Amino acid sequence: MGLLDALLGGLMGGGTATGPAGGMGMGAQGQNPLLQIALQLLQRNGGLQGVLGKFQQAGYGAQAQSWIGTGQNMPIDSGALSQIFGQGQLGQIAEQLGLSHQEAAGQLAQTLPQVVDRMTPEGQIPEGHDDLVNQALAMLQRGRESGG
């Protein structure tokens, strides 16, 4: 389960490269709604493969591929996310976060590349990645429930 620990620990700032990022800091991990929302967005849109397909169809395939590859992550702007995921999904995310549509899209534009990058440490989409998204969401939910 090292990939899942790396995903959650790295994105939450918990744990270190050599220390455990697993069972100890779940409360803090459960308190990052943006990470949970990014994972839910992946889950609702066909996992990594489905999201990659959406980015390619919208003309942003190079950006998404850079997040999967081992090189530098290319940025994505909030307007592109509105185009790719639609106003409806981003409106729901904004409501969940208690932010304006633009603020939510901007924060998601910062988080989504990191999430995809962490889920593809070998520069390719791992086998069972959909299960990984589901496991990460379950861990975050358990952390949120036990943390408060």
C-alpha atoms as a PDB file:
ATOM      1  CA  MET A   1       0.000   0.000   0.000  1.00  0.00           C
ATOM      2  CA  GLY A   2       3.058   2.260  -0.345  1.00  0.00           C
ATOM      3  CA  LEU A   3       1.630   4.159  -3.323  1.00  0.00           C
ATOM      4  CA  LEU A   4      -1.477   5.103  -1.363  1.00  0.00           C
ATOM      5  CA  ASP A   5       0.631   6.259   1.589  1.00  0.00           C
ATOM      6  CA  ALA A   6       2.798   8.311  -0.772  1.00  0.00           C
ATOM      7  CA  LEU A   7      -0.285   9.884  -2.342  1.00  0.00           C
ATOM      8  CA  LEU A   8      -1.963  10.859   0.903  1.00  0.00           C
ATOM      9  CA  GLY A   9       1.189  11.610   2.865  1.00  0.00           C
ATOM     10  CA  GLY A  10       2.803  13.650   0.123  1.00  0.00           C
ATOM     11  CA  LEU A  11      -0.265  15.728  -0.623  1.00  0.00           C
ATOM     12  CA  MET A  12      -1.074  16.335   3.004  1.00  0.00           C
ATOM     13  CA  GLY A  13       2.483  17.104   4.071  1.00  0.00           C
ATOM     14  CA  GLY A  14       2.271  14.226   6.530  1.00  0.00           C
ATOM     15  CA  GLY A  15       5.051  11.742   7.020  1.00  0.00           C
ATOM     16  CA  THR A  16       8.436  11.901   5.370  1.00  0.00           C
ATOM     17  CA  ALA A  17      10.134   9.964   2.628  1.00  0.00           C
ATOM     18  CA  THR A  18      11.533   7.628   5.265  1.00  0.00           C
ATOM     19  CA  GLY A  19       8.895   7.882   7.977  1.00  0.00           C
ATOM     20  CA  PRO A  20       5.393   6.437   8.060  1.00  0.00           C
ATOM     21  CA  ALA A  21       2.673   8.453   6.427  1.00  0.00           C
ATOM     22  CA  GLY A  22       0.036   5.831   7.057  1.00  0.00           C
ATOM     23  CA  GLY A  23      -2.124   5.282  10.114  1.00  0.00           C
ATOM     24  CA  MET A  24      -0.845   8.170  12.224  1.00  0.00           C
ATOM     25  CA  GLY A  25      -2.040  11.523  10.749  1.00  0.00           C
ATOM     26  CA  MET A  26      -5.322  10.342   9.314  1.00  0.00           C
ATOM     27  CA  GLY A  27      -7.183  13.054  11.232  1.00  0.00           C
ATOM     28  CA  ALA A  28      -5.168  15.748   9.468  1.00  0.00           C
ATOM     29  CA  GLN A  29      -5.536  13.999   6.125  1.00  0.00           C
ATOM     30  CA  GLY A  30      -9.279  13.828   6.537  1.00  0.00           C
ATOM     31  CA  GLN A  31      -9.356  17.597   6.938  1.00  0.00           C
ATOM     32  CA  ASN A  32      -8.201  18.438   3.404  1.00  0.00           C
ATOM     33  CA  PRO A  33     -11.459  18.771   1.493  1.00  0.00           C
ATOM     34  CA  LEU A  34      -9.682  19.770  -1.731  1.00  0.00           C
ATOM     35  CA  LEU A  35      -7.784  16.471  -1.874  1.00  0.00           C
ATOM     36  CA  GLN A  36     -10.996  14.554  -1.318  1.00  0.00           C
ATOM     37  CA  ILE A  37     -12.776  16.599  -3.984  1.00  0.00           C
ATOM     38  CA  ALA A  38      -9.952  16.030  -6.494  1.00  0.00           C
ATOM     39  CA  LEU A  39     -10.168  12.281  -5.875  1.00  0.00           C
ATOM     40  CA  GLN A  40     -13.961  12.363  -6.216  1.00  0.00           C
ATOM     41  CA  LEU A  41     -13.561  14.239  -9.500  1.00  0.00           C
ATOM     42  CA  LEU A  42     -11.287  11.445 -10.758  1.00  0.00           C
ATOM     43  CA  GLN A  43     -13.736   8.820  -9.549  1.00  0.00           C
ATOM     44  CA  ARG A  44     -16.756  10.476 -11.215  1.00  0.00           C
ATOM     45  CA  ASN A  45     -14.981  10.976 -14.536  1.00  0.00           C
ATOM     46  CA  GLY A  46     -13.650   7.487 -15.206  1.00  0.00           C
ATOM     47  CA  GLY A  47     -10.505   7.506 -13.071  1.00  0.00           C
ATOM     48  CA  LEU A  48      -7.137   8.589 -14.399  1.00  0.00           C
ATOM     49  CA  GLN A  49      -7.833   7.182 -17.868  1.00  0.00           C
ATOM     50  CA  GLY A  50     -11.191   8.918 -18.117  1.00  0.00           C
ATOM     51  CA  VAL A  51      -9.845  12.280 -16.978  1.00  0.00           C
ATOM     52  CA  LEU A  52      -6.875  11.960 -19.328  1.00  0.00           C
ATOM     53  CA  GLY A  53      -9.335  11.333 -22.177  1.00  0.00           C
ATOM     54  CA  LYS A  54     -11.344  14.440 -21.241  1.00  0.00           C
ATOM     55  CA  PHE A  55      -8.182  16.559 -21.216  1.00  0.00           C
ATOM     56  CA  GLN A  56      -7.122  15.178 -24.609  1.00  0.00           C
ATOM     57  CA  GLN A  57     -10.556  15.823 -26.157  1.00  0.00           C
ATOM     58  CA  ALA A  58     -10.447  19.426 -24.916  1.00  0.00           C
ATOM     59  CA  GLY A  59      -6.949  20.001 -26.312  1.00  0.00           C
ATOM     60  CA  TYR A  60      -5.099  19.783 -22.981  1.00  0.00           C
ATOM     61  CA  GLY A  61      -3.594  16.313 -23.400  1.00  0.00           C
ATOM     62  CA  ALA A  62      -0.015  17.605 -23.148  1.00  0.00           C
ATOM     63  CA  GLN A  63      -0.704  19.084 -19.715  1.00  0.00           C
ATOM     64  CA  ALA A  64      -2.307  15.908 -18.394  1.00  0.00           C
ATOM     65  CA  GLN A  65       0.480  13.749 -19.848  1.00  0.00           C
ATOM     66  CA  SER A  66       3.068  15.938 -18.089  1.00  0.00           C
ATOM     67  CA  TRP A  67       1.438  15.149 -14.745  1.00  0.00           C
ATOM     68  CA  ILE A  68       1.674  11.422 -15.450  1.00  0.00           C
ATOM     69  CA  GLY A  69       5.233  11.559 -16.780  1.00  0.00           C
ATOM     70  CA  THR A  70       8.287  11.867 -14.583  1.00  0.00           C
ATOM     71  CA  GLY A  71       9.251  15.366 -15.741  1.00  0.00           C
ATOM     72  CA  GLN A  72       8.003  18.787 -14.734  1.00  0.00           C
ATOM     73  CA  ASN A  73       4.231  19.214 -14.352  1.00  0.00           C
ATOM     74  CA  MET A  74       2.724  21.706 -16.780  1.00  0.00           C
ATOM     75  CA  PRO A  75       0.191  24.077 -15.205  1.00  0.00           C
ATOM     76  CA  ILE A  76      -3.475  24.156 -16.103  1.00  0.00           C
ATOM     77  CA  ASP A  77      -5.643  27.218 -15.708  1.00  0.00           C
ATOM     78  CA  SER A  78      -9.032  27.363 -14.055  1.00  0.00           C
ATOM     79  CA  GLY A  79     -10.746  28.257 -17.349  1.00  0.00           C
ATOM     80  CA  ALA A  80      -9.521  24.995 -18.853  1.00  0.00           C
ATOM     81  CA  LEU A  81     -10.995  23.054 -15.939  1.00  0.00           C
ATOM     82  CA  SER A  82     -14.343  24.791 -16.479  1.00  0.00           C
ATOM     83  CA  GLN A  83     -14.204  23.758 -20.135  1.00  0.00           C
ATOM     84  CA  ILE A  84     -13.209  20.158 -19.349  1.00  0.00           C
ATOM     85  CA  PHE A  85     -15.463  19.369 -16.394  1.00  0.00           C
ATOM     86  CA  GLY A  86     -18.286  21.834 -17.052  1.00  0.00           C
ATOM     87  CA  GLN A  87     -19.875  24.525 -14.964  1.00  0.00           C
ATOM     88  CA  GLY A  88     -22.112  22.020 -13.160  1.00  0.00           C
ATOM     89  CA  GLN A  89     -19.352  19.923 -11.617  1.00  0.00           C
ATOM     90  CA  LEU A  90     -17.262  22.961 -10.733  1.00  0.00           C
ATOM     91  CA  GLY A  91     -20.313  24.661  -9.260  1.00  0.00           C
ATOM     92  CA  GLN A  92     -20.851  21.684  -6.967  1.00  0.00           C
ATOM     93  CA  ILE A  93     -17.185  21.764  -5.954  1.00  0.00           C
ATOM     94  CA  ALA A  94     -17.387  25.507  -5.219  1.00  0.00           C
ATOM     95  CA  GLU A  95     -20.440  24.883  -3.067  1.00  0.00           C
ATOM     96  CA  GLN A  96     -18.711  22.056  -1.173  1.00  0.00           C
ATOM     97  CA  LEU A  97     -15.701  24.269  -0.488  1.00  0.00           C
ATOM     98  CA  GLY A  98     -17.732  27.368   0.283  1.00  0.00           C
ATOM     99  CA  LEU A  99     -15.825  29.325  -2.371  1.00  0.00           C
ATOM    100  CA  SER A 100     -16.701  31.235  -5.504  1.00  0.00           C
ATOM    101  CA  HIS A 101     -16.698  29.262  -8.732  1.00  0.00           C
ATOM    102  CA  GLN A 102     -13.452  30.965  -9.831  1.00  0.00           C
ATOM    103  CA  GLU A 103     -11.685  30.367  -6.487  1.00  0.00           C
ATOM    104  CA  ALA A 104     -12.671  26.701  -6.444  1.00  0.00           C
ATOM    105  CA  ALA A 105     -11.509  26.187 -10.039  1.00  0.00           C
ATOM    106  CA  GLY A 106      -8.225  27.953  -9.236  1.00  0.00           C
ATOM    107  CA  GLN A 107      -7.543  25.773  -6.206  1.00  0.00           C
ATOM    108  CA  LEU A 108      -8.466  22.639  -8.120  1.00  0.00           C
ATOM    109  CA  ALA A 109      -6.093  23.706 -10.914  1.00  0.00           C
ATOM    110  CA  GLN A 110      -3.320  23.683  -8.301  1.00  0.00           C
ATOM    111  CA  THR A 111      -4.309  20.379  -6.659  1.00  0.00           C
ATOM    112  CA  LEU A 112      -5.312  18.131  -9.563  1.00  0.00           C
ATOM    113  CA  PRO A 113      -1.839  18.028 -11.190  1.00  0.00           C
ATOM    114  CA  GLN A 114      -0.311  17.070  -7.825  1.00  0.00           C
ATOM    115  CA  VAL A 115      -2.856  14.303  -7.252  1.00  0.00           C
ATOM    116  CA  VAL A 116      -2.319  12.814 -10.726  1.00  0.00           C
ATOM    117  CA  ASP A 117       1.462  13.152 -10.354  1.00  0.00           C
ATOM    118  CA  ARG A 118       1.440  11.348  -6.994  1.00  0.00           C
ATOM    119  CA  MET A 119      -0.746   8.569  -8.378  1.00  0.00           C
ATOM    120  CA  THR A 120       1.688   7.908 -11.234  1.00  0.00           C
ATOM    121  CA  PRO A 121       5.142   7.790  -9.595  1.00  0.00           C
ATOM    122  CA  GLU A 122       6.604   5.534 -12.285  1.00  0.00           C
ATOM    123  CA  GLY A 123       5.564   7.846 -15.111  1.00  0.00           C
ATOM    124  CA  GLN A 124       2.620   5.698 -16.134  1.00  0.00           C
ATOM    125  CA  ILE A 125      -0.878   4.931 -14.909  1.00  0.00           C
ATOM    126  CA  PRO A 126      -0.562   2.009 -12.474  1.00  0.00           C
ATOM    127  CA  GLU A 127      -2.659  -1.101 -12.771  1.00  0.00           C
ATOM    128  CA  GLY A 128      -5.632  -0.917 -10.433  1.00  0.00           C
ATOM    129  CA  HIS A 129      -5.561   2.898 -10.316  1.00  0.00           C
ATOM    130  CA  ASP A 130      -9.364   3.099 -10.001  1.00  0.00           C
ATOM    131  CA  ASP A 131      -9.157   0.958  -6.891  1.00  0.00           C
ATOM    132  CA  LEU A 132      -6.433   3.268  -5.574  1.00  0.00           C
ATOM    133  CA  VAL A 133      -8.737   6.290  -5.963  1.00  0.00           C
ATOM    134  CA  ASN A 134     -11.503   4.439  -4.103  1.00  0.00           C
ATOM    135  CA  GLN A 135      -9.120   3.372  -1.311  1.00  0.00           C
ATOM    136  CA  ALA A 136      -7.761   6.902  -0.911  1.00  0.00           C
ATOM    137  CA  LEU A 137     -11.290   8.307  -0.674  1.00  0.00           C
ATOM    138  CA  ALA A 138     -12.228   5.667   1.892  1.00  0.00           C
ATOM    139  CA  MET A 139      -9.145   6.487   3.983  1.00  0.00           C
ATOM    140  CA  LEU A 140      -9.895  10.211   3.854  1.00  0.00           C
ATOM    141  CA  GLN A 141     -13.504   9.581   4.840  1.00  0.00           C
ATOM    142  CA  ARG A 142     -12.467   7.411   7.786  1.00  0.00           C
ATOM    143  CA  GLY A 143     -10.002  10.107   8.852  1.00  0.00           C
ATOM    144  CA  ARG A 144     -12.676  12.775   8.661  1.00  0.00           C
ATOM    145  CA  GLU A 145     -15.123  10.685  10.680  1.00  0.00           C
ATOM    146  CA  SER A 146     -12.597   9.873  13.407  1.00  0.00           C
ATOM    147  CA  GLY A 147     -11.025  13.335  13.352  1.00  0.00           C
ATOM    148  CA  GLY A 148     -14.103  15.313  14.088  1.00  0.00           C
END
